[in-house]
Amino acid sequence: MAQSRLERIGTVYSRISSLLKGGALKDIDKPVWYTVYEAFPPKYEPRFDREAPKTKYFDIFYKEDYLRMEFQERNKNLSTNLMDTRRKSRTQEFISIYHDMKKNGVHQDVCFQKSLDKLLEQRPTSTNRSQDTSSKSSITSSFSQEKNEKININIKDILNN
């Protein structure tokens, strides 16, 4: 057997080595990384009990990310369609409006609310959407009526064009 399955007893390298020495694993079945590991061993053996190095981490947020977070926090009901590449998302539109107002010298707190108001003016309201859905339903009903009619298509005409 390959010793214990606990990560505390040996490393993956030591387990594979013992499998190869014991004959449980053939040279043909040896993993690719094993040869690389032997050729270029790490400076420190990778063990579970070794302390992680003390490194300083940096924030990777941009100033715009905080603006996005605030916008999304205040407007949780907005949905985003990531597949629609024809137009900007509401968040992108809001940020562009915000930056335009910020260039004009509007204070940051006032700029956020004005940008939000301007975005709501640009996008259709829920009353307009209900009108849009009623017009869409009439279009789909007329389409379904056309669908029921038989259509005569000649394949030769399609292939000749």
C-alpha atoms as a PDB file:
ATOM      1  CA  MET A   1       0.000   0.000   0.000  1.00  0.00           C
ATOM      2  CA  ALA A   2       0.971   3.613  -0.327  1.00  0.00           C
ATOM      3  CA  GLN A   3       1.481   4.279   3.382  1.00  0.00           C
ATOM      4  CA  SER A   4      -1.312   6.419   4.781  1.00  0.00           C
ATOM      5  CA  ARG A   5      -3.741   8.619   2.918  1.00  0.00           C
ATOM      6  CA  LEU A   6      -3.290  11.417   5.401  1.00  0.00           C
ATOM      7  CA  GLU A   7      -1.468  14.460   4.098  1.00  0.00           C
ATOM      8  CA  ARG A   8       0.397  14.663   7.401  1.00  0.00           C
ATOM      9  CA  ILE A   9       2.349  11.506   6.702  1.00  0.00           C
ATOM     10  CA  GLY A  10       4.668  12.216   3.822  1.00  0.00           C
ATOM     11  CA  THR A  11       4.160  14.245   0.700  1.00  0.00           C
ATOM     12  CA  VAL A  12       2.680  13.284  -2.633  1.00  0.00           C
ATOM     13  CA  TYR A  13       6.208  12.933  -3.955  1.00  0.00           C
ATOM     14  CA  SER A  14       7.234  10.530  -1.182  1.00  0.00           C
ATOM     15  CA  ARG A  15       4.098   8.445  -1.723  1.00  0.00           C
ATOM     16  CA  ILE A  16       4.683   8.141  -5.464  1.00  0.00           C
ATOM     17  CA  SER A  17       8.359   7.297  -4.792  1.00  0.00           C
ATOM     18  CA  SER A  18       7.396   4.476  -2.440  1.00  0.00           C
ATOM     19  CA  LEU A  19       4.854   3.167  -4.967  1.00  0.00           C
ATOM     20  CA  LEU A  20       7.556   3.089  -7.651  1.00  0.00           C
ATOM     21  CA  LYS A  21      10.100   1.410  -5.347  1.00  0.00           C
ATOM     22  CA  GLY A  22       7.578  -1.171  -4.169  1.00  0.00           C
ATOM     23  CA  GLY A  23       6.504  -2.003  -7.715  1.00  0.00           C
ATOM     24  CA  ALA A  24       2.860  -0.989  -7.225  1.00  0.00           C
ATOM     25  CA  LEU A  25       3.309   1.692  -9.884  1.00  0.00           C
ATOM     26  CA  LYS A  26       5.188   0.977 -13.105  1.00  0.00           C
ATOM     27  CA  ASP A  27       7.559   3.446 -14.768  1.00  0.00           C
ATOM     28  CA  ILE A  28       5.135   3.757 -17.656  1.00  0.00           C
ATOM     29  CA  ASP A  29       2.387   4.955 -15.283  1.00  0.00           C
ATOM     30  CA  LYS A  30       4.665   7.471 -13.547  1.00  0.00           C
ATOM     31  CA  PRO A  31       3.083  10.982 -13.566  1.00  0.00           C
ATOM     32  CA  VAL A  32       4.708  13.628 -15.756  1.00  0.00           C
ATOM     33  CA  TRP A  33       5.282  16.010 -12.870  1.00  0.00           C
ATOM     34  CA  TYR A  34       7.367  13.395 -11.027  1.00  0.00           C
ATOM     35  CA  THR A  35      10.280  13.660 -13.467  1.00  0.00           C
ATOM     36  CA  VAL A  36      10.120  17.451 -13.414  1.00  0.00           C
ATOM     37  CA  TYR A  37      10.016  17.454  -9.602  1.00  0.00           C
ATOM     38  CA  GLU A  38      13.136  15.272  -9.451  1.00  0.00           C
ATOM     39  CA  ALA A  39      14.967  17.449 -11.976  1.00  0.00           C
ATOM     40  CA  PHE A  40      13.994  20.725 -10.275  1.00  0.00           C
ATOM     41  CA  PRO A  41      13.192  20.057  -6.630  1.00  0.00           C
ATOM     42  CA  PRO A  42      11.689  22.930  -4.658  1.00  0.00           C
ATOM     43  CA  LYS A  43      13.858  24.944  -2.294  1.00  0.00           C
ATOM     44  CA  TYR A  44      11.674  23.968   0.653  1.00  0.00           C
ATOM     45  CA  GLU A  45       9.812  20.693   0.840  1.00  0.00           C
ATOM     46  CA  PRO A  46       6.057  21.284   0.519  1.00  0.00           C
ATOM     47  CA  ARG A  47       4.661  20.105   3.834  1.00  0.00           C
ATOM     48  CA  PHE A  48       1.400  20.732   5.646  1.00  0.00           C
ATOM     49  CA  ASP A  49       3.040  21.970   8.844  1.00  0.00           C
ATOM     50  CA  ARG A  50       5.267  24.616   7.257  1.00  0.00           C
ATOM     51  CA  GLU A  51       4.153  28.161   8.058  1.00  0.00           C
ATOM     52  CA  ALA A  52       3.050  30.363   5.222  1.00  0.00           C
ATOM     53  CA  PRO A  53       5.457  33.208   4.490  1.00  0.00           C
ATOM     54  CA  LYS A  54       4.521  36.567   5.951  1.00  0.00           C
ATOM     55  CA  THR A  55       3.890  38.772   2.941  1.00  0.00           C
ATOM     56  CA  LYS A  56       2.110  42.062   2.613  1.00  0.00           C
ATOM     57  CA  TYR A  57      -0.997  42.009   0.467  1.00  0.00           C
ATOM     58  CA  PHE A  58      -2.202  44.965  -1.516  1.00  0.00           C
ATOM     59  CA  ASP A  59      -5.751  45.994  -2.287  1.00  0.00           C
ATOM     60  CA  ILE A  60      -6.610  45.264  -5.874  1.00  0.00           C
ATOM     61  CA  PHE A  61      -9.734  47.404  -5.949  1.00  0.00           C
ATOM     62  CA  TYR A  62      -9.966  50.354  -8.276  1.00  0.00           C
ATOM     63  CA  LYS A  63     -11.780  53.545  -7.297  1.00  0.00           C
ATOM     64  CA  GLU A  64     -14.489  52.583  -9.758  1.00  0.00           C
ATOM     65  CA  ASP A  65     -15.070  49.279  -7.934  1.00  0.00           C
ATOM     66  CA  TYR A  66     -16.211  51.069  -4.781  1.00  0.00           C
ATOM     67  CA  LEU A  67     -18.637  53.066  -6.893  1.00  0.00           C
ATOM     68  CA  ARG A  68     -19.959  49.834  -8.443  1.00  0.00           C
ATOM     69  CA  MET A  69     -20.371  48.264  -5.009  1.00  0.00           C
ATOM     70  CA  GLU A  70     -22.353  51.241  -3.739  1.00  0.00           C
ATOM     71  CA  PHE A  71     -24.555  51.286  -6.845  1.00  0.00           C
ATOM     72  CA  GLN A  72     -25.267  47.558  -6.633  1.00  0.00           C
ATOM     73  CA  GLU A  73     -25.939  47.791  -2.896  1.00  0.00           C
ATOM     74  CA  ARG A  74     -28.565  50.489  -3.394  1.00  0.00           C
ATOM     75  CA  ASN A  75     -30.125  48.808  -6.448  1.00  0.00           C
ATOM     76  CA  LYS A  76     -30.279  45.134  -5.591  1.00  0.00           C
ATOM     77  CA  ASN A  77     -33.315  44.546  -7.769  1.00  0.00           C
ATOM     78  CA  LEU A  78     -31.456  45.332 -11.005  1.00  0.00           C
ATOM     79  CA  SER A  79     -30.544  42.337 -13.067  1.00  0.00           C
ATOM     80  CA  THR A  80     -27.737  42.145 -15.591  1.00  0.00           C
ATOM     81  CA  ASN A  81     -27.649  40.233 -18.832  1.00  0.00           C
ATOM     82  CA  LEU A  82     -24.001  39.462 -19.495  1.00  0.00           C
ATOM     83  CA  MET A  83     -24.810  37.964 -22.886  1.00  0.00           C
ATOM     84  CA  ASP A  84     -26.133  41.259 -24.253  1.00  0.00           C
ATOM     85  CA  THR A  85     -23.090  42.956 -25.774  1.00  0.00           C
ATOM     86  CA  ARG A  86     -25.072  45.386 -27.903  1.00  0.00           C
ATOM     87  CA  ARG A  87     -25.512  47.902 -25.125  1.00  0.00           C
ATOM     88  CA  LYS A  88     -23.958  48.872 -21.821  1.00  0.00           C
ATOM     89  CA  SER A  89     -25.224  47.482 -18.548  1.00  0.00           C
ATOM     90  CA  ARG A  90     -26.967  49.821 -16.123  1.00  0.00           C
ATOM     91  CA  THR A  91     -23.903  49.848 -13.921  1.00  0.00           C
ATOM     92  CA  GLN A  92     -21.678  50.876 -16.841  1.00  0.00           C
ATOM     93  CA  GLU A  93     -24.132  53.605 -17.832  1.00  0.00           C
ATOM     94  CA  PHE A  94     -24.268  54.848 -14.247  1.00  0.00           C
ATOM     95  CA  ILE A  95     -20.481  54.993 -13.998  1.00  0.00           C
ATOM     96  CA  SER A  96     -20.143  56.904 -17.265  1.00  0.00           C
ATOM     97  CA  ILE A  97     -22.798  59.408 -16.111  1.00  0.00           C
ATOM     98  CA  TYR A  98     -21.044  59.694 -12.747  1.00  0.00           C
ATOM     99  CA  HIS A  99     -17.660  60.395 -14.363  1.00  0.00           C
ATOM    100  CA  ASP A 100     -19.182  63.012 -16.674  1.00  0.00           C
ATOM    101  CA  MET A 101     -20.708  64.834 -13.702  1.00  0.00           C
ATOM    102  CA  LYS A 102     -17.500  64.499 -11.706  1.00  0.00           C
ATOM    103  CA  LYS A 103     -15.579  66.185 -14.552  1.00  0.00           C
ATOM    104  CA  ASN A 104     -17.985  69.123 -14.333  1.00  0.00           C
ATOM    105  CA  GLY A 105     -16.968  69.655 -10.695  1.00  0.00           C
ATOM    106  CA  VAL A 106     -20.003  68.272  -8.875  1.00  0.00           C
ATOM    107  CA  HIS A 107     -19.318  67.085  -5.307  1.00  0.00           C
ATOM    108  CA  GLN A 108     -18.975  63.310  -4.895  1.00  0.00           C
ATOM    109  CA  ASP A 109     -22.033  62.763  -2.642  1.00  0.00           C
ATOM    110  CA  VAL A 110     -24.323  64.919  -4.777  1.00  0.00           C
ATOM    111  CA  CYS A 111     -22.876  63.439  -7.955  1.00  0.00           C
ATOM    112  CA  PHE A 112     -23.903  59.911  -6.965  1.00  0.00           C
ATOM    113  CA  GLN A 113     -27.557  60.788  -6.406  1.00  0.00           C
ATOM    114  CA  LYS A 114     -27.786  62.990  -9.508  1.00  0.00           C
ATOM    115  CA  SER A 115     -26.243  60.250 -11.626  1.00  0.00           C
ATOM    116  CA  LEU A 116     -28.737  57.756 -10.263  1.00  0.00           C
ATOM    117  CA  ASP A 117     -31.631  60.121 -11.037  1.00  0.00           C
ATOM    118  CA  LYS A 118     -30.324  60.756 -14.541  1.00  0.00           C
ATOM    119  CA  LEU A 119     -29.961  57.028 -15.168  1.00  0.00           C
ATOM    120  CA  LEU A 120     -33.570  56.442 -14.130  1.00  0.00           C
ATOM    121  CA  GLU A 121     -34.690  59.221 -16.507  1.00  0.00           C
ATOM    122  CA  GLN A 122     -32.832  57.612 -19.413  1.00  0.00           C
ATOM    123  CA  ARG A 123     -34.154  54.086 -18.887  1.00  0.00           C
ATOM    124  CA  PRO A 124     -37.859  53.300 -19.336  1.00  0.00           C
ATOM    125  CA  THR A 125     -39.928  53.089 -16.167  1.00  0.00           C
ATOM    126  CA  SER A 126     -42.080  50.143 -15.144  1.00  0.00           C
ATOM    127  CA  THR A 127     -45.209  51.727 -16.723  1.00  0.00           C
ATOM    128  CA  ASN A 128     -43.408  51.928 -20.058  1.00  0.00           C
ATOM    129  CA  ARG A 129     -42.290  48.344 -19.659  1.00  0.00           C
ATOM    130  CA  SER A 130     -45.847  47.132 -19.180  1.00  0.00           C
ATOM    131  CA  GLN A 131     -46.767  48.874 -22.431  1.00  0.00           C
ATOM    132  CA  ASP A 132     -43.749  47.262 -24.098  1.00  0.00           C
ATOM    133  CA  THR A 133     -44.758  43.811 -22.886  1.00  0.00           C
ATOM    134  CA  SER A 134     -48.303  44.253 -24.153  1.00  0.00           C
ATOM    135  CA  SER A 135     -46.973  45.247 -27.578  1.00  0.00           C
ATOM    136  CA  LYS A 136     -44.593  42.266 -27.488  1.00  0.00           C
ATOM    137  CA  SER A 137     -47.442  39.907 -26.661  1.00  0.00           C
ATOM    138  CA  SER A 138     -49.462  41.244 -29.612  1.00  0.00           C
ATOM    139  CA  ILE A 139     -46.465  40.704 -31.878  1.00  0.00           C
ATOM    140  CA  THR A 140     -46.015  37.141 -30.652  1.00  0.00           C
ATOM    141  CA  SER A 141     -49.701  36.379 -31.068  1.00  0.00           C
ATOM    142  CA  SER A 142     -49.613  37.626 -34.677  1.00  0.00           C
ATOM    143  CA  PHE A 143     -46.472  35.551 -35.228  1.00  0.00           C
ATOM    144  CA  SER A 144     -48.166  32.436 -33.866  1.00  0.00           C
ATOM    145  CA  GLN A 145     -51.096  33.019 -36.248  1.00  0.00           C
ATOM    146  CA  GLU A 146     -48.668  33.222 -39.162  1.00  0.00           C
ATOM    147  CA  LYS A 147     -46.969  30.107 -37.917  1.00  0.00           C
ATOM    148  CA  ASN A 148     -50.152  28.093 -38.231  1.00  0.00           C
ATOM    149  CA  GLU A 149     -50.401  28.945 -41.924  1.00  0.00           C
ATOM    150  CA  LYS A 150     -48.671  26.513 -44.263  1.00  0.00           C
ATOM    151  CA  ILE A 151     -45.639  27.859 -46.035  1.00  0.00           C
ATOM    152  CA  ASN A 152     -44.609  26.505 -49.414  1.00  0.00           C
ATOM    153  CA  ILE A 153     -40.843  26.438 -49.802  1.00  0.00           C
ATOM    154  CA  ASN A 154     -39.028  24.908 -52.736  1.00  0.00           C
ATOM    155  CA  ILE A 155     -35.587  23.572 -51.776  1.00  0.00           C
ATOM    156  CA  LYS A 156     -34.272  24.013 -55.310  1.00  0.00           C
ATOM    157  CA  ASP A 157     -34.948  27.757 -55.066  1.00  0.00           C
ATOM    158  CA  ILE A 158     -33.009  27.954 -51.818  1.00  0.00           C
ATOM    159  CA  LEU A 159     -30.011  26.039 -53.154  1.00  0.00           C
ATOM    160  CA  ASN A 160     -29.872  28.022 -56.393  1.00  0.00           C
ATOM    161  CA  ASN A 161     -29.560  31.327 -54.531  1.00  0.00           C
END
